């Protein structure tokens, strides 16, 4: 179970509380455990995005260089939903994608289930105008592969050889495991890494950066001198 060391806010947290309260009263009571997991997961996703994935970092701090490591959102991912998916498996991935700023293509099988009914009942709450959701078969689903950066299934056994073959033709990676409650791991499915190296020195001259550093050092020395020898 993820631990969240600080309070986080997000509009859908109150909606999940509403679902939990309704489940306690008997409405979608079978989803009560999924709703509880969603609340914890959403907080973990928010916390980890804020403290890890949205921050540019320079791990080396080499004088005269910037070596920036950062995460960038994928543009769009395709998510396959069928009647065996749980509410947690569906909604957690929608939330994770949105927190990372990723658009969704959601392909829903024609078979009906209470879970799929819940998804469509709450589509206006869960989905953004940039998302796309449709009912289709596998043959039509693979047609979207060229327009997405990643394909997501909740289980390896749900990915047919036909889907693997079509994805391999255009080198598209397929996520094929259940979603995780821990945001430090789950959000990696919606992000890509980028590193940028920039040398700002010129023959050892640090330019404005060097001047700024010298000013900081002088200020630190002046402050130290004042503390040792007050005026």
C-alpha atoms as a PDB file:
ATOM      1  CA  UNK A   1       0.000   0.000   0.000  1.00  0.00           C
ATOM      2  CA  UNK A   2       1.555   3.344  -1.019  1.00  0.00           C
ATOM      3  CA  UNK A   3       2.252   5.930   1.655  1.00  0.00           C
ATOM      4  CA  UNK A   4       1.692   9.604   0.908  1.00  0.00           C
ATOM      5  CA  UNK A   5       3.645  11.895   3.258  1.00  0.00           C
ATOM      6  CA  UNK A   6       1.815  15.094   2.344  1.00  0.00           C
ATOM      7  CA  UNK A   7      -1.697  16.245   1.552  1.00  0.00           C
ATOM      8  CA  UNK A   8      -2.608  16.390  -2.128  1.00  0.00           C
ATOM      9  CA  UNK A   9      -5.616  17.891  -3.875  1.00  0.00           C
ATOM     10  CA  UNK A  10      -7.359  16.949  -7.103  1.00  0.00           C
ATOM     11  CA  UNK A  11     -10.952  17.452  -8.293  1.00  0.00           C
ATOM     12  CA  UNK A  12     -11.689  13.734  -8.656  1.00  0.00           C
ATOM     13  CA  UNK A  13     -10.746  12.938  -5.058  1.00  0.00           C
ATOM     14  CA  UNK A  14     -14.137  14.274  -3.948  1.00  0.00           C
ATOM     15  CA  UNK A  15     -15.822  12.245  -6.699  1.00  0.00           C
ATOM     16  CA  UNK A  16     -14.159   9.068  -5.452  1.00  0.00           C
ATOM     17  CA  UNK A  17     -15.363   9.905  -1.937  1.00  0.00           C
ATOM     18  CA  UNK A  18     -18.847  10.186  -3.395  1.00  0.00           C
ATOM     19  CA  UNK A  19     -18.516   6.754  -5.008  1.00  0.00           C
ATOM     20  CA  UNK A  20     -17.311   5.289  -1.703  1.00  0.00           C
ATOM     21  CA  UNK A  21     -20.268   6.781   0.168  1.00  0.00           C
ATOM     22  CA  UNK A  22     -22.703   5.506  -2.457  1.00  0.00           C
ATOM     23  CA  UNK A  23     -21.143   2.034  -2.314  1.00  0.00           C
ATOM     24  CA  UNK A  24     -21.674   1.997   1.450  1.00  0.00           C
ATOM     25  CA  UNK A  25     -25.353   2.756   0.766  1.00  0.00           C
ATOM     26  CA  UNK A  26     -25.637  -0.070  -1.752  1.00  0.00           C
ATOM     27  CA  UNK A  27     -25.014   1.687  -5.094  1.00  0.00           C
ATOM     28  CA  UNK A  28     -22.271  -0.233  -6.911  1.00  0.00           C
ATOM     29  CA  UNK A  29     -21.503  -1.942  -3.604  1.00  0.00           C
ATOM     30  CA  UNK A  30     -19.440  -4.549  -5.437  1.00  0.00           C
ATOM     31  CA  UNK A  31     -16.956  -1.843  -6.414  1.00  0.00           C
ATOM     32  CA  UNK A  32     -16.306  -0.633  -2.844  1.00  0.00           C
ATOM     33  CA  UNK A  33     -12.831  -2.165  -2.671  1.00  0.00           C
ATOM     34  CA  UNK A  34     -11.920  -0.744  -6.089  1.00  0.00           C
ATOM     35  CA  UNK A  35     -13.041   2.730  -5.017  1.00  0.00           C
ATOM     36  CA  UNK A  36     -10.901   2.536  -1.859  1.00  0.00           C
ATOM     37  CA  UNK A  37      -7.873   1.488  -3.915  1.00  0.00           C
ATOM     38  CA  UNK A  38      -8.505   4.308  -6.384  1.00  0.00           C
ATOM     39  CA  UNK A  39      -8.432   6.920  -3.634  1.00  0.00           C
ATOM     40  CA  UNK A  40      -5.048   5.749  -2.343  1.00  0.00           C
ATOM     41  CA  UNK A  41      -3.648   5.315  -5.849  1.00  0.00           C
ATOM     42  CA  UNK A  42      -4.719   8.751  -7.011  1.00  0.00           C
ATOM     43  CA  UNK A  43      -2.983  10.362  -4.042  1.00  0.00           C
ATOM     44  CA  UNK A  44       0.172   8.368  -4.807  1.00  0.00           C
ATOM     45  CA  UNK A  45       0.051   9.353  -8.486  1.00  0.00           C
ATOM     46  CA  UNK A  46      -0.336  13.041  -7.607  1.00  0.00           C
ATOM     47  CA  UNK A  47       2.416  13.015  -5.000  1.00  0.00           C
ATOM     48  CA  UNK A  48       4.940  11.209  -7.197  1.00  0.00           C
ATOM     49  CA  UNK A  49       4.223  13.349 -10.230  1.00  0.00           C
ATOM     50  CA  UNK A  50       4.712  16.509  -8.183  1.00  0.00           C
ATOM     51  CA  UNK A  51       7.859  15.406  -6.367  1.00  0.00           C
ATOM     52  CA  UNK A  52       9.554  13.243  -9.009  1.00  0.00           C
ATOM     53  CA  UNK A  53       8.251  13.333 -12.552  1.00  0.00           C
ATOM     54  CA  UNK A  54       7.574  17.061 -12.981  1.00  0.00           C
ATOM     55  CA  UNK A  55      11.029  18.165 -11.796  1.00  0.00           C
ATOM     56  CA  UNK A  56      14.123  18.657 -13.954  1.00  0.00           C
ATOM     57  CA  UNK A  57      17.286  17.377 -12.251  1.00  0.00           C
ATOM     58  CA  UNK A  58      21.020  17.749 -12.726  1.00  0.00           C
ATOM     59  CA  UNK A  59      22.648  14.832 -10.926  1.00  0.00           C
ATOM     60  CA  UNK A  60      26.256  15.735 -11.845  1.00  0.00           C
ATOM     61  CA  UNK A  61      26.671  19.502 -11.252  1.00  0.00           C
ATOM     62  CA  UNK A  62      29.722  19.745 -13.501  1.00  0.00           C
ATOM     63  CA  UNK A  63      31.225  23.236 -13.615  1.00  0.00           C
ATOM     64  CA  UNK A  64      30.584  24.763 -17.001  1.00  0.00           C
ATOM     65  CA  UNK A  65      27.865  22.277 -17.982  1.00  0.00           C
ATOM     66  CA  UNK A  66      24.184  21.609 -17.520  1.00  0.00           C
ATOM     67  CA  UNK A  67      23.202  17.934 -17.638  1.00  0.00           C
ATOM     68  CA  UNK A  68      19.435  17.939 -17.316  1.00  0.00           C
ATOM     69  CA  UNK A  69      17.379  14.809 -16.823  1.00  0.00           C
ATOM     70  CA  UNK A  70      13.603  15.097 -17.115  1.00  0.00           C
ATOM     71  CA  UNK A  71      10.417  13.207 -17.930  1.00  0.00           C
ATOM     72  CA  UNK A  72       8.132  14.175 -20.792  1.00  0.00           C
ATOM     73  CA  UNK A  73       4.542  12.981 -21.283  1.00  0.00           C
ATOM     74  CA  UNK A  74       3.660  10.699 -24.142  1.00  0.00           C
ATOM     75  CA  UNK A  75       1.237  12.308 -26.579  1.00  0.00           C
ATOM     76  CA  UNK A  76      -1.429   9.579 -26.613  1.00  0.00           C
ATOM     77  CA  UNK A  77      -1.733   5.975 -25.420  1.00  0.00           C
ATOM     78  CA  UNK A  78      -4.202   3.292 -26.445  1.00  0.00           C
ATOM     79  CA  UNK A  79      -5.981   1.422 -23.675  1.00  0.00           C
ATOM     80  CA  UNK A  80      -7.923  -1.789 -24.312  1.00  0.00           C
ATOM     81  CA  UNK A  81     -10.933  -2.509 -22.079  1.00  0.00           C
ATOM     82  CA  UNK A  82     -13.000  -5.685 -21.943  1.00  0.00           C
ATOM     83  CA  UNK A  83     -15.710  -7.098 -19.695  1.00  0.00           C
ATOM     84  CA  UNK A  84     -13.181  -8.791 -17.369  1.00  0.00           C
ATOM     85  CA  UNK A  85     -11.521  -5.515 -16.370  1.00  0.00           C
ATOM     86  CA  UNK A  86     -12.194  -4.200 -12.878  1.00  0.00           C
ATOM     87  CA  UNK A  87     -13.153  -0.616 -12.114  1.00  0.00           C
ATOM     88  CA  UNK A  88      -9.733  -0.122 -10.550  1.00  0.00           C
ATOM     89  CA  UNK A  89      -7.948  -1.394 -13.663  1.00  0.00           C
ATOM     90  CA  UNK A  90      -9.877   0.998 -15.890  1.00  0.00           C
ATOM     91  CA  UNK A  91     -10.146   4.166 -13.820  1.00  0.00           C
ATOM     92  CA  UNK A  92      -6.645   4.083 -12.326  1.00  0.00           C
ATOM     93  CA  UNK A  93      -5.128   4.146 -15.787  1.00  0.00           C
ATOM     94  CA  UNK A  94      -7.355   7.009 -16.891  1.00  0.00           C
ATOM     95  CA  UNK A  95      -6.290   8.980 -13.817  1.00  0.00           C
ATOM     96  CA  UNK A  96      -2.594   8.170 -14.248  1.00  0.00           C
ATOM     97  CA  UNK A  97      -2.636   9.264 -17.890  1.00  0.00           C
ATOM     98  CA  UNK A  98      -4.369  12.543 -17.114  1.00  0.00           C
ATOM     99  CA  UNK A  99      -2.025  13.406 -14.249  1.00  0.00           C
ATOM    100  CA  UNK A 100       0.879  12.998 -16.673  1.00  0.00           C
ATOM    101  CA  UNK A 101      -0.871  15.087 -19.344  1.00  0.00           C
ATOM    102  CA  UNK A 102      -1.406  12.174 -21.730  1.00  0.00           C
ATOM    103  CA  UNK A 103      -4.380  11.823 -24.078  1.00  0.00           C
ATOM    104  CA  UNK A 104      -6.257   8.522 -24.247  1.00  0.00           C
ATOM    105  CA  UNK A 105      -7.637   6.305 -26.974  1.00  0.00           C
ATOM    106  CA  UNK A 106      -9.917   3.842 -25.157  1.00  0.00           C
ATOM    107  CA  UNK A 107     -11.060   0.795 -27.083  1.00  0.00           C
ATOM    108  CA  UNK A 108     -13.952  -1.048 -25.436  1.00  0.00           C
ATOM    109  CA  UNK A 109     -15.046  -4.534 -26.406  1.00  0.00           C
ATOM    110  CA  UNK A 110     -18.674  -5.041 -27.460  1.00  0.00           C
ATOM    111  CA  UNK A 111     -19.410  -7.430 -24.579  1.00  0.00           C
ATOM    112  CA  UNK A 112     -21.343  -5.839 -21.725  1.00  0.00           C
ATOM    113  CA  UNK A 113     -20.510  -5.857 -18.030  1.00  0.00           C
ATOM    114  CA  UNK A 114     -21.353  -3.823 -14.940  1.00  0.00           C
ATOM    115  CA  UNK A 115     -17.849  -2.379 -15.032  1.00  0.00           C
ATOM    116  CA  UNK A 116     -18.185  -1.191 -18.624  1.00  0.00           C
ATOM    117  CA  UNK A 117     -21.560   0.258 -17.732  1.00  0.00           C
ATOM    118  CA  UNK A 118     -19.900   2.203 -14.900  1.00  0.00           C
ATOM    119  CA  UNK A 119     -17.260   3.542 -17.307  1.00  0.00           C
ATOM    120  CA  UNK A 120     -19.807   4.897 -19.764  1.00  0.00           C
ATOM    121  CA  UNK A 121     -22.048   6.215 -16.997  1.00  0.00           C
ATOM    122  CA  UNK A 122     -19.119   8.289 -15.719  1.00  0.00           C
ATOM    123  CA  UNK A 123     -17.426   9.101 -19.005  1.00  0.00           C
ATOM    124  CA  UNK A 124     -18.134  12.837 -18.748  1.00  0.00           C
ATOM    125  CA  UNK A 125     -16.501  12.909 -15.322  1.00  0.00           C
ATOM    126  CA  UNK A 126     -13.521  10.731 -16.191  1.00  0.00           C
ATOM    127  CA  UNK A 127     -12.627  11.711 -19.735  1.00  0.00           C
ATOM    128  CA  UNK A 128     -11.373  14.939 -21.245  1.00  0.00           C
ATOM    129  CA  UNK A 129     -12.371  16.411 -24.601  1.00  0.00           C
ATOM    130  CA  UNK A 130      -8.987  15.303 -25.991  1.00  0.00           C
ATOM    131  CA  UNK A 131      -9.736  11.649 -25.165  1.00  0.00           C
ATOM    132  CA  UNK A 132     -11.461   9.236 -27.524  1.00  0.00           C
ATOM    133  CA  UNK A 133     -13.550   6.226 -26.520  1.00  0.00           C
ATOM    134  CA  UNK A 134     -15.195   3.752 -28.855  1.00  0.00           C
ATOM    135  CA  UNK A 135     -16.705   0.269 -29.013  1.00  0.00           C
ATOM    136  CA  UNK A 136     -14.815  -1.876 -31.512  1.00  0.00           C
ATOM    137  CA  UNK A 137     -13.319  -5.274 -32.183  1.00  0.00           C
ATOM    138  CA  UNK A 138      -9.637  -6.159 -32.150  1.00  0.00           C
ATOM    139  CA  UNK A 139      -9.299  -5.851 -35.916  1.00  0.00           C
ATOM    140  CA  UNK A 140     -10.343  -2.209 -35.769  1.00  0.00           C
ATOM    141  CA  UNK A 141      -8.393  -1.516 -32.562  1.00  0.00           C
ATOM    142  CA  UNK A 142      -5.027  -2.165 -34.192  1.00  0.00           C
ATOM    143  CA  UNK A 143      -5.722   0.586 -36.729  1.00  0.00           C
ATOM    144  CA  UNK A 144      -5.023   3.193 -34.031  1.00  0.00           C
ATOM    145  CA  UNK A 145      -1.526   1.888 -33.287  1.00  0.00           C
ATOM    146  CA  UNK A 146       0.154   4.259 -35.735  1.00  0.00           C
ATOM    147  CA  UNK A 147      -1.349   7.246 -33.908  1.00  0.00           C
ATOM    148  CA  UNK A 148      -0.390   6.323 -30.337  1.00  0.00           C
ATOM    149  CA  UNK A 149       2.944   6.009 -28.539  1.00  0.00           C
ATOM    150  CA  UNK A 150       2.099   3.093 -26.280  1.00  0.00           C
ATOM    151  CA  UNK A 151      -0.527   0.329 -26.051  1.00  0.00           C
ATOM    152  CA  UNK A 152      -1.894  -0.783 -22.691  1.00  0.00           C
ATOM    153  CA  UNK A 153      -3.510  -4.042 -21.603  1.00  0.00           C
ATOM    154  CA  UNK A 154      -4.178  -5.191 -18.037  1.00  0.00           C
ATOM    155  CA  UNK A 155      -2.875  -8.736 -18.565  1.00  0.00           C
ATOM    156  CA  UNK A 156      -0.439 -10.510 -20.870  1.00  0.00           C
ATOM    157  CA  UNK A 157      -3.023 -13.215 -21.572  1.00  0.00           C
ATOM    158  CA  UNK A 158      -5.343 -10.614 -23.109  1.00  0.00           C
ATOM    159  CA  UNK A 159      -2.855  -9.697 -25.839  1.00  0.00           C
ATOM    160  CA  UNK A 160      -3.392 -11.874 -28.890  1.00  0.00           C
ATOM    161  CA  UNK A 161      -0.660 -12.889 -31.334  1.00  0.00           C
ATOM    162  CA  UNK A 162      -2.451 -10.712 -33.901  1.00  0.00           C
ATOM    163  CA  UNK A 163      -2.035  -7.613 -31.689  1.00  0.00           C
ATOM    164  CA  UNK A 164       1.618  -8.442 -30.979  1.00  0.00           C
ATOM    165  CA  UNK A 165       2.279  -8.837 -34.685  1.00  0.00           C
ATOM    166  CA  UNK A 166       0.604  -5.558 -35.651  1.00  0.00           C
ATOM    167  CA  UNK A 167       2.390  -3.646 -32.891  1.00  0.00           C
ATOM    168  CA  UNK A 168       5.742  -5.150 -33.869  1.00  0.00           C
ATOM    169  CA  UNK A 169       5.346  -3.957 -37.444  1.00  0.00           C
ATOM    170  CA  UNK A 170       5.648  -0.345 -36.254  1.00  0.00           C
ATOM    171  CA  UNK A 171       7.733  -0.982 -33.115  1.00  0.00           C
ATOM    172  CA  UNK A 172       5.076  -0.043 -30.563  1.00  0.00           C
ATOM    173  CA  UNK A 173       5.568  -1.178 -26.976  1.00  0.00           C
ATOM    174  CA  UNK A 174       2.691  -2.968 -25.230  1.00  0.00           C
ATOM    175  CA  UNK A 175       2.236  -2.554 -21.481  1.00  0.00           C
ATOM    176  CA  UNK A 176       0.730  -5.856 -20.383  1.00  0.00           C
ATOM    177  CA  UNK A 177       0.322  -6.018 -16.632  1.00  0.00           C
ATOM    178  CA  UNK A 178      -2.189  -4.850 -14.061  1.00  0.00           C
ATOM    179  CA  UNK A 179      -1.985  -1.198 -12.991  1.00  0.00           C
ATOM    180  CA  UNK A 180      -0.061  -0.471  -9.806  1.00  0.00           C
ATOM    181  CA  UNK A 181      -1.207   1.635  -6.888  1.00  0.00           C
ATOM    182  CA  UNK A 182       2.312   3.042  -6.406  1.00  0.00           C
ATOM    183  CA  UNK A 183       2.671   6.166  -8.542  1.00  0.00           C
ATOM    184  CA  UNK A 184       6.482   5.993  -8.686  1.00  0.00           C
ATOM    185  CA  UNK A 185       6.046   2.855 -10.805  1.00  0.00           C
ATOM    186  CA  UNK A 186       2.695   3.216 -12.590  1.00  0.00           C
ATOM    187  CA  UNK A 187       3.338   6.693 -14.005  1.00  0.00           C
ATOM    188  CA  UNK A 188       6.376   5.408 -15.904  1.00  0.00           C
ATOM    189  CA  UNK A 189       3.921   3.879 -18.389  1.00  0.00           C
ATOM    190  CA  UNK A 190       2.889   7.362 -19.549  1.00  0.00           C
ATOM    191  CA  UNK A 191       6.244   9.129 -19.653  1.00  0.00           C
ATOM    192  CA  UNK A 192       9.493   9.081 -21.582  1.00  0.00           C
ATOM    193  CA  UNK A 193      12.925  10.120 -20.373  1.00  0.00           C
ATOM    194  CA  UNK A 194      14.991  12.911 -21.890  1.00  0.00           C
ATOM    195  CA  UNK A 195      18.512  14.099 -21.102  1.00  0.00           C
ATOM    196  CA  UNK A 196      19.992  17.379 -22.297  1.00  0.00           C
ATOM    197  CA  UNK A 197      23.680  18.264 -22.048  1.00  0.00           C
ATOM    198  CA  UNK A 198      24.643  21.911 -22.499  1.00  0.00           C
ATOM    199  CA  UNK A 199      28.168  23.306 -22.213  1.00  0.00           C
ATOM    200  CA  UNK A 200      27.981  27.004 -21.359  1.00  0.00           C
ATOM    201  CA  UNK A 201      31.713  27.616 -20.882  1.00  0.00           C
ATOM    202  CA  UNK A 202      33.963  28.891 -23.639  1.00  0.00           C
ATOM    203  CA  UNK A 203      37.629  27.969 -23.296  1.00  0.00           C
ATOM    204  CA  UNK A 204      37.174  27.912 -19.538  1.00  0.00           C
ATOM    205  CA  UNK A 205      35.280  31.202 -19.414  1.00  0.00           C
ATOM    206  CA  UNK A 206      31.955  30.746 -17.647  1.00  0.00           C
ATOM    207  CA  UNK A 207      30.499  34.024 -18.945  1.00  0.00           C
ATOM    208  CA  UNK A 208      27.527  35.430 -17.035  1.00  0.00           C
ATOM    209  CA  UNK A 209      27.246  32.243 -15.001  1.00  0.00           C
ATOM    210  CA  UNK A 210      30.783  32.758 -13.730  1.00  0.00           C
ATOM    211  CA  UNK A 211      30.021  36.348 -12.780  1.00  0.00           C
ATOM    212  CA  UNK A 212      26.888  35.275 -10.946  1.00  0.00           C
ATOM    213  CA  UNK A 213      28.832  32.624  -9.049  1.00  0.00           C
ATOM    214  CA  UNK A 214      31.549  35.102  -8.128  1.00  0.00           C
ATOM    215  CA  UNK A 215      28.936  37.522  -6.813  1.00  0.00           C
ATOM    216  CA  UNK A 216      27.420  34.775  -4.661  1.00  0.00           C
ATOM    217  CA  UNK A 217      30.841  33.855  -3.299  1.00  0.00           C
ATOM    218  CA  UNK A 218      31.669  37.491  -2.527  1.00  0.00           C
ATOM    219  CA  UNK A 219      28.323  37.941  -0.780  1.00  0.00           C
ATOM    220  CA  UNK A 220      28.957  34.808   1.297  1.00  0.00           C
ATOM    221  CA  UNK A 221      32.432  36.060   2.252  1.00  0.00           C
ATOM    222  CA  UNK A 222      31.091  39.507   3.137  1.00  0.00           C
ATOM    223  CA  UNK A 223      28.344  37.960   5.301  1.00  0.00           C
ATOM    224  CA  UNK A 224      30.910  35.770   7.043  1.00  0.00           C
ATOM    225  CA  UNK A 225      33.198  38.774   7.631  1.00  0.00           C
ATOM    226  CA  UNK A 226      30.341  40.755   9.155  1.00  0.00           C
ATOM    227  CA  UNK A 227      29.458  37.895  11.474  1.00  0.00           C
ATOM    228  CA  UNK A 228      33.074  37.673  12.670  1.00  0.00           C
ATOM    229  CA  UNK A 229      33.719  41.417  12.804  1.00  0.00           C
ATOM    230  CA  UNK A 230      30.470  43.360  13.248  1.00  0.00           C
ATOM    231  CA  UNK A 231      30.564  47.047  12.301  1.00  0.00           C
END
